[in-house]
């Protein structure tokens, strides 16, 4: 069981959703037009933007302003060495606050 409701998780639940990658995309960074997505899905080079943990932390435009407010140390941790966040208390606190703000905005 996951501790979040990003589309990477919720998009795989249910028999009709399980095999369809379109249920896992980031709707902020992709088009919402279901017909366009269905047409693109048929192309051999279609790689949709999946709403997973890394996308949310590092690149999703919905949280860009929150990311810019992070300290340089926290940004380096998120983009280069995420394991370091579990070793330094100040990083744990800052990233936890960042994640709280993300969840408030998204859900």
N, C-alpha and C. Protein backbone atom coordinates (compact mmCIF):
# COMPACT_ATOMS: atom_id res chain seq x y z
N UNK A 1 0.84 -1.17 0.00
CA UNK A 1 0.00 0.00 0.00
C UNK A 1 0.89 1.24 0.00
N UNK A 2 0.55 2.18 -0.81
CA UNK A 2 1.35 3.39 -0.94
C UNK A 2 0.86 4.47 0.01
N UNK A 3 1.76 5.42 0.30
CA UNK A 3 1.39 6.50 1.21
C UNK A 3 1.06 7.79 0.48
N UNK A 4 0.80 7.69 -0.81
CA UNK A 4 0.42 8.87 -1.58
C UNK A 4 -0.62 8.50 -2.63
N UNK A 5 -1.16 9.54 -3.28
CA UNK A 5 -2.20 9.31 -4.28
C UNK A 5 -1.79 9.87 -5.64
N UNK A 6 -0.50 9.81 -5.96
CA UNK A 6 -0.07 10.25 -7.28
C UNK A 6 -0.57 9.25 -8.31
N UNK A 7 -0.67 9.71 -9.54
CA UNK A 7 -1.24 8.87 -10.59
C UNK A 7 -0.46 7.60 -10.86
N UNK A 8 0.83 7.57 -10.54
CA UNK A 8 1.60 6.34 -10.71
C UNK A 8 0.99 5.21 -9.88
N UNK A 9 0.37 5.55 -8.75
CA UNK A 9 -0.30 4.56 -7.91
C UNK A 9 -1.77 4.41 -8.26
N UNK A 10 -2.50 5.51 -8.24
CA UNK A 10 -3.95 5.41 -8.45
C UNK A 10 -4.29 4.98 -9.87
N UNK A 11 -3.41 5.25 -10.82
CA UNK A 11 -3.66 4.89 -12.21
C UNK A 11 -3.50 3.43 -12.52
N UNK A 12 -3.02 2.66 -11.58
CA UNK A 12 -2.85 1.22 -11.82
C UNK A 12 -3.91 0.37 -11.12
N UNK A 13 -4.79 1.01 -10.35
CA UNK A 13 -5.81 0.28 -9.62
C UNK A 13 -7.06 0.10 -10.47
N UNK A 14 -7.64 -1.04 -10.38
CA UNK A 14 -8.83 -1.35 -11.15
C UNK A 14 -8.47 -2.10 -12.42
N UNK A 15 -9.29 -3.02 -12.80
CA UNK A 15 -9.02 -3.87 -13.96
C UNK A 15 -8.89 -3.05 -15.24
N UNK A 16 -9.75 -2.06 -15.42
CA UNK A 16 -9.73 -1.29 -16.67
C UNK A 16 -8.52 -0.37 -16.76
N UNK A 17 -7.93 0.02 -15.64
CA UNK A 17 -6.81 0.96 -15.64
C UNK A 17 -5.45 0.27 -15.69
N UNK A 18 -5.38 -0.93 -15.22
CA UNK A 18 -4.11 -1.59 -14.96
C UNK A 18 -3.13 -1.54 -16.13
N UNK A 19 -3.56 -1.79 -17.33
CA UNK A 19 -2.65 -1.83 -18.46
C UNK A 19 -2.55 -0.53 -19.24
N UNK A 20 -3.26 0.48 -18.84
CA UNK A 20 -3.30 1.72 -19.61
C UNK A 20 -2.42 2.79 -18.98
N UNK A 21 -1.31 3.09 -19.63
CA UNK A 21 -0.34 4.07 -19.14
C UNK A 21 -0.94 5.46 -19.02
N UNK A 22 -1.98 5.76 -19.76
CA UNK A 22 -2.56 7.10 -19.74
C UNK A 22 -3.18 7.46 -18.40
N UNK A 23 -3.49 6.47 -17.59
CA UNK A 23 -4.04 6.73 -16.26
C UNK A 23 -2.96 7.13 -15.26
N UNK A 24 -1.70 7.07 -15.69
CA UNK A 24 -0.59 7.38 -14.79
C UNK A 24 0.12 8.69 -15.14
N UNK A 25 -0.37 9.41 -16.13
CA UNK A 25 0.33 10.62 -16.57
C UNK A 25 0.10 11.78 -15.61
N UNK A 26 0.97 12.75 -15.71
CA UNK A 26 0.82 14.00 -14.95
C UNK A 26 -0.06 14.92 -15.79
N UNK A 27 -1.22 15.24 -15.29
CA UNK A 27 -2.15 16.08 -16.05
C UNK A 27 -1.74 17.54 -16.03
N UNK A 28 -0.86 17.91 -15.12
CA UNK A 28 -0.34 19.28 -15.10
C UNK A 28 0.66 19.48 -16.24
N UNK A 29 1.47 18.48 -16.51
CA UNK A 29 2.55 18.60 -17.50
C UNK A 29 2.19 18.00 -18.85
N UNK A 30 1.04 17.38 -18.96
CA UNK A 30 0.59 16.78 -20.22
C UNK A 30 -0.74 17.41 -20.63
N UNK A 31 -1.15 17.13 -21.82
CA UNK A 31 -2.45 17.61 -22.27
C UNK A 31 -3.57 16.85 -21.55
N UNK A 32 -4.69 17.49 -21.36
CA UNK A 32 -5.86 16.84 -20.77
C UNK A 32 -6.79 16.27 -21.83
N UNK A 33 -6.46 16.52 -23.09
CA UNK A 33 -7.30 16.07 -24.19
C UNK A 33 -7.14 14.56 -24.38
N UNK A 34 -8.15 13.82 -23.98
CA UNK A 34 -8.08 12.36 -24.01
C UNK A 34 -7.93 11.80 -25.42
N UNK A 35 -8.52 12.46 -26.40
CA UNK A 35 -8.39 11.99 -27.78
C UNK A 35 -6.97 12.17 -28.30
N UNK A 36 -6.37 13.31 -27.99
CA UNK A 36 -4.97 13.55 -28.38
C UNK A 36 -4.07 12.51 -27.74
N UNK A 37 -4.28 12.26 -26.44
CA UNK A 37 -3.47 11.26 -25.74
C UNK A 37 -3.65 9.87 -26.33
N UNK A 38 -4.88 9.52 -26.66
CA UNK A 38 -5.14 8.21 -27.27
C UNK A 38 -4.43 8.08 -28.61
N UNK A 39 -4.43 9.15 -29.39
CA UNK A 39 -3.73 9.12 -30.69
C UNK A 39 -2.22 9.03 -30.49
N UNK A 40 -1.69 9.80 -29.55
CA UNK A 40 -0.26 9.77 -29.29
C UNK A 40 0.19 8.39 -28.79
N UNK A 41 -0.66 7.76 -28.01
CA UNK A 41 -0.34 6.45 -27.44
C UNK A 41 -0.08 5.41 -28.52
N UNK A 42 -0.68 5.60 -29.67
CA UNK A 42 -0.51 4.65 -30.77
C UNK A 42 0.86 4.77 -31.44
N UNK A 43 1.56 5.86 -31.20
CA UNK A 43 2.87 6.08 -31.83
C UNK A 43 3.94 5.28 -31.10
N UNK A 44 4.91 4.75 -31.85
CA UNK A 44 5.94 3.91 -31.22
C UNK A 44 6.90 4.68 -30.33
N UNK A 45 6.97 5.98 -30.46
CA UNK A 45 7.91 6.79 -29.69
C UNK A 45 7.23 7.63 -28.62
N UNK A 46 6.04 7.28 -28.25
CA UNK A 46 5.29 8.04 -27.24
C UNK A 46 5.75 7.65 -25.84
N UNK A 47 6.31 8.62 -25.13
CA UNK A 47 6.74 8.43 -23.75
C UNK A 47 6.08 9.51 -22.90
N UNK A 48 4.93 9.22 -22.34
CA UNK A 48 4.20 10.24 -21.57
C UNK A 48 4.93 10.62 -20.29
N UNK A 49 4.60 11.79 -19.78
CA UNK A 49 5.15 12.25 -18.51
C UNK A 49 4.34 11.60 -17.40
N UNK A 50 4.96 10.69 -16.70
CA UNK A 50 4.29 9.93 -15.65
C UNK A 50 4.39 10.70 -14.33
N UNK A 51 3.28 10.78 -13.62
CA UNK A 51 3.28 11.44 -12.31
C UNK A 51 3.76 10.44 -11.26
N UNK A 52 5.08 10.37 -11.12
CA UNK A 52 5.66 9.53 -10.08
C UNK A 52 6.38 10.41 -9.06
N UNK A 53 6.98 9.79 -8.09
CA UNK A 53 7.61 10.53 -7.01
C UNK A 53 8.74 11.44 -7.52
N UNK A 54 9.56 10.94 -8.41
CA UNK A 54 10.67 11.74 -8.92
C UNK A 54 10.17 12.93 -9.74
N UNK A 55 9.16 12.70 -10.54
CA UNK A 55 8.60 13.80 -11.34
C UNK A 55 8.06 14.90 -10.42
N UNK A 56 7.33 14.51 -9.40
CA UNK A 56 6.75 15.48 -8.47
C UNK A 56 7.86 16.25 -7.74
N UNK A 57 8.86 15.56 -7.26
CA UNK A 57 9.95 16.20 -6.53
C UNK A 57 10.81 17.10 -7.41
N UNK A 58 11.09 16.66 -8.63
CA UNK A 58 12.12 17.32 -9.42
C UNK A 58 11.64 18.20 -10.57
N UNK A 59 10.55 17.85 -11.23
CA UNK A 59 10.27 18.55 -12.49
C UNK A 59 8.84 19.06 -12.69
N UNK A 60 7.88 18.60 -11.95
CA UNK A 60 6.49 19.01 -12.20
C UNK A 60 6.35 20.52 -12.05
N UNK A 61 5.77 21.14 -13.06
CA UNK A 61 5.63 22.60 -13.07
C UNK A 61 4.66 23.11 -12.00
N UNK A 62 3.77 22.26 -11.52
CA UNK A 62 2.83 22.67 -10.49
C UNK A 62 3.53 23.08 -9.20
N UNK A 63 4.71 22.53 -8.97
CA UNK A 63 5.44 22.77 -7.72
C UNK A 63 6.73 23.56 -7.93
N UNK A 64 6.90 24.15 -9.08
CA UNK A 64 8.13 24.86 -9.40
C UNK A 64 8.41 26.00 -8.42
N UNK A 65 7.38 26.76 -8.08
CA UNK A 65 7.58 27.87 -7.14
C UNK A 65 8.01 27.37 -5.76
N UNK A 66 7.49 26.23 -5.34
CA UNK A 66 7.88 25.66 -4.05
C UNK A 66 9.33 25.18 -4.09
N UNK A 67 9.73 24.60 -5.22
CA UNK A 67 11.09 24.13 -5.40
C UNK A 67 12.09 25.28 -5.33
N UNK A 68 11.73 26.43 -5.91
CA UNK A 68 12.62 27.58 -5.92
C UNK A 68 12.86 28.14 -4.52
N UNK A 69 11.94 27.90 -3.61
CA UNK A 69 12.07 28.41 -2.24
C UNK A 69 12.97 27.53 -1.36
N UNK A 70 13.32 26.36 -1.85
CA UNK A 70 14.18 25.46 -1.08
C UNK A 70 15.61 26.01 -1.01
N UNK A 71 16.31 25.66 0.04
CA UNK A 71 17.72 26.04 0.15
C UNK A 71 18.52 25.32 -0.93
N UNK A 72 19.68 25.84 -1.24
CA UNK A 72 20.55 25.20 -2.22
C UNK A 72 20.93 23.78 -1.78
N UNK A 73 21.11 23.62 -0.49
CA UNK A 73 21.45 22.31 0.07
C UNK A 73 20.32 21.30 -0.18
N UNK A 74 19.09 21.71 0.03
CA UNK A 74 17.94 20.82 -0.18
C UNK A 74 17.76 20.52 -1.67
N UNK A 75 17.95 21.52 -2.52
CA UNK A 75 17.86 21.29 -3.97
C UNK A 75 18.90 20.29 -4.44
N UNK A 76 20.12 20.46 -3.96
CA UNK A 76 21.18 19.52 -4.32
C UNK A 76 20.82 18.11 -3.87
N UNK A 77 20.27 18.01 -2.68
CA UNK A 77 19.86 16.71 -2.15
C UNK A 77 18.79 16.08 -3.03
N UNK A 78 17.77 16.84 -3.39
CA UNK A 78 16.67 16.31 -4.20
C UNK A 78 17.13 15.89 -5.60
N UNK A 79 18.01 16.67 -6.18
CA UNK A 79 18.42 16.40 -7.56
C UNK A 79 19.62 15.48 -7.69
N UNK A 80 20.42 15.34 -6.64
CA UNK A 80 21.66 14.57 -6.79
C UNK A 80 21.78 13.38 -5.84
N UNK A 81 21.41 13.58 -4.59
CA UNK A 81 21.68 12.56 -3.58
C UNK A 81 20.54 12.49 -2.58
N UNK A 82 19.43 11.93 -3.00
CA UNK A 82 18.23 11.90 -2.16
C UNK A 82 18.44 11.12 -0.86
N UNK A 83 19.32 10.16 -0.86
CA UNK A 83 19.59 9.40 0.37
C UNK A 83 20.15 10.29 1.47
N UNK A 84 20.82 11.36 1.09
CA UNK A 84 21.39 12.29 2.07
C UNK A 84 20.30 12.93 2.92
N UNK A 85 19.10 13.03 2.41
CA UNK A 85 17.99 13.62 3.15
C UNK A 85 17.69 12.84 4.43
N UNK A 86 18.05 11.58 4.46
CA UNK A 86 17.77 10.76 5.63
C UNK A 86 18.92 10.77 6.63
N UNK A 87 19.99 11.50 6.29
CA UNK A 87 21.16 11.53 7.16
C UNK A 87 21.31 12.84 7.91
N UNK A 88 20.69 13.90 7.42
CA UNK A 88 20.87 15.21 8.02
C UNK A 88 19.52 15.78 8.45
N UNK A 89 19.39 16.09 9.71
CA UNK A 89 18.12 16.51 10.30
C UNK A 89 17.56 17.75 9.62
N UNK A 90 18.40 18.74 9.33
CA UNK A 90 17.90 19.97 8.71
C UNK A 90 17.31 19.70 7.33
N UNK A 91 17.87 18.73 6.60
CA UNK A 91 17.32 18.37 5.29
C UNK A 91 16.01 17.61 5.43
N UNK A 92 15.93 16.74 6.40
CA UNK A 92 14.68 16.01 6.65
C UNK A 92 13.55 17.01 6.91
N UNK A 93 13.81 17.98 7.76
CA UNK A 93 12.77 18.96 8.10
C UNK A 93 12.35 19.79 6.89
N UNK A 94 13.34 20.29 6.16
CA UNK A 94 13.03 21.15 5.03
C UNK A 94 12.29 20.40 3.93
N UNK A 95 12.73 19.20 3.62
CA UNK A 95 12.08 18.41 2.57
C UNK A 95 10.71 17.94 3.03
N UNK A 96 10.55 17.64 4.30
CA UNK A 96 9.24 17.26 4.82
C UNK A 96 8.24 18.41 4.69
N UNK A 97 8.68 19.63 4.99
CA UNK A 97 7.81 20.80 4.82
C UNK A 97 7.46 21.01 3.35
N UNK A 98 8.44 20.80 2.49
CA UNK A 98 8.23 20.90 1.04
C UNK A 98 7.18 19.88 0.58
N UNK A 99 7.31 18.66 1.03
CA UNK A 99 6.35 17.60 0.66
C UNK A 99 4.95 17.89 1.20
N UNK A 100 4.88 18.46 2.39
CA UNK A 100 3.59 18.83 2.97
C UNK A 100 2.90 19.87 2.09
N UNK A 101 3.65 20.86 1.63
CA UNK A 101 3.09 21.89 0.76
C UNK A 101 2.65 21.31 -0.59
N UNK A 102 3.42 20.37 -1.10
CA UNK A 102 3.06 19.70 -2.35
C UNK A 102 1.72 18.98 -2.18
N UNK A 103 1.60 18.22 -1.11
CA UNK A 103 0.36 17.46 -0.86
C UNK A 103 -0.83 18.39 -0.66
N UNK A 104 -0.62 19.49 0.03
CA UNK A 104 -1.72 20.46 0.22
C UNK A 104 -2.18 21.01 -1.11
N UNK A 105 -1.26 21.28 -1.99
CA UNK A 105 -1.61 21.83 -3.30
C UNK A 105 -2.26 20.77 -4.19
N UNK A 106 -1.73 19.59 -4.19
CA UNK A 106 -2.19 18.55 -5.12
C UNK A 106 -3.51 17.91 -4.68
N UNK A 107 -3.65 17.70 -3.37
CA UNK A 107 -4.81 16.95 -2.89
C UNK A 107 -5.67 17.84 -2.03
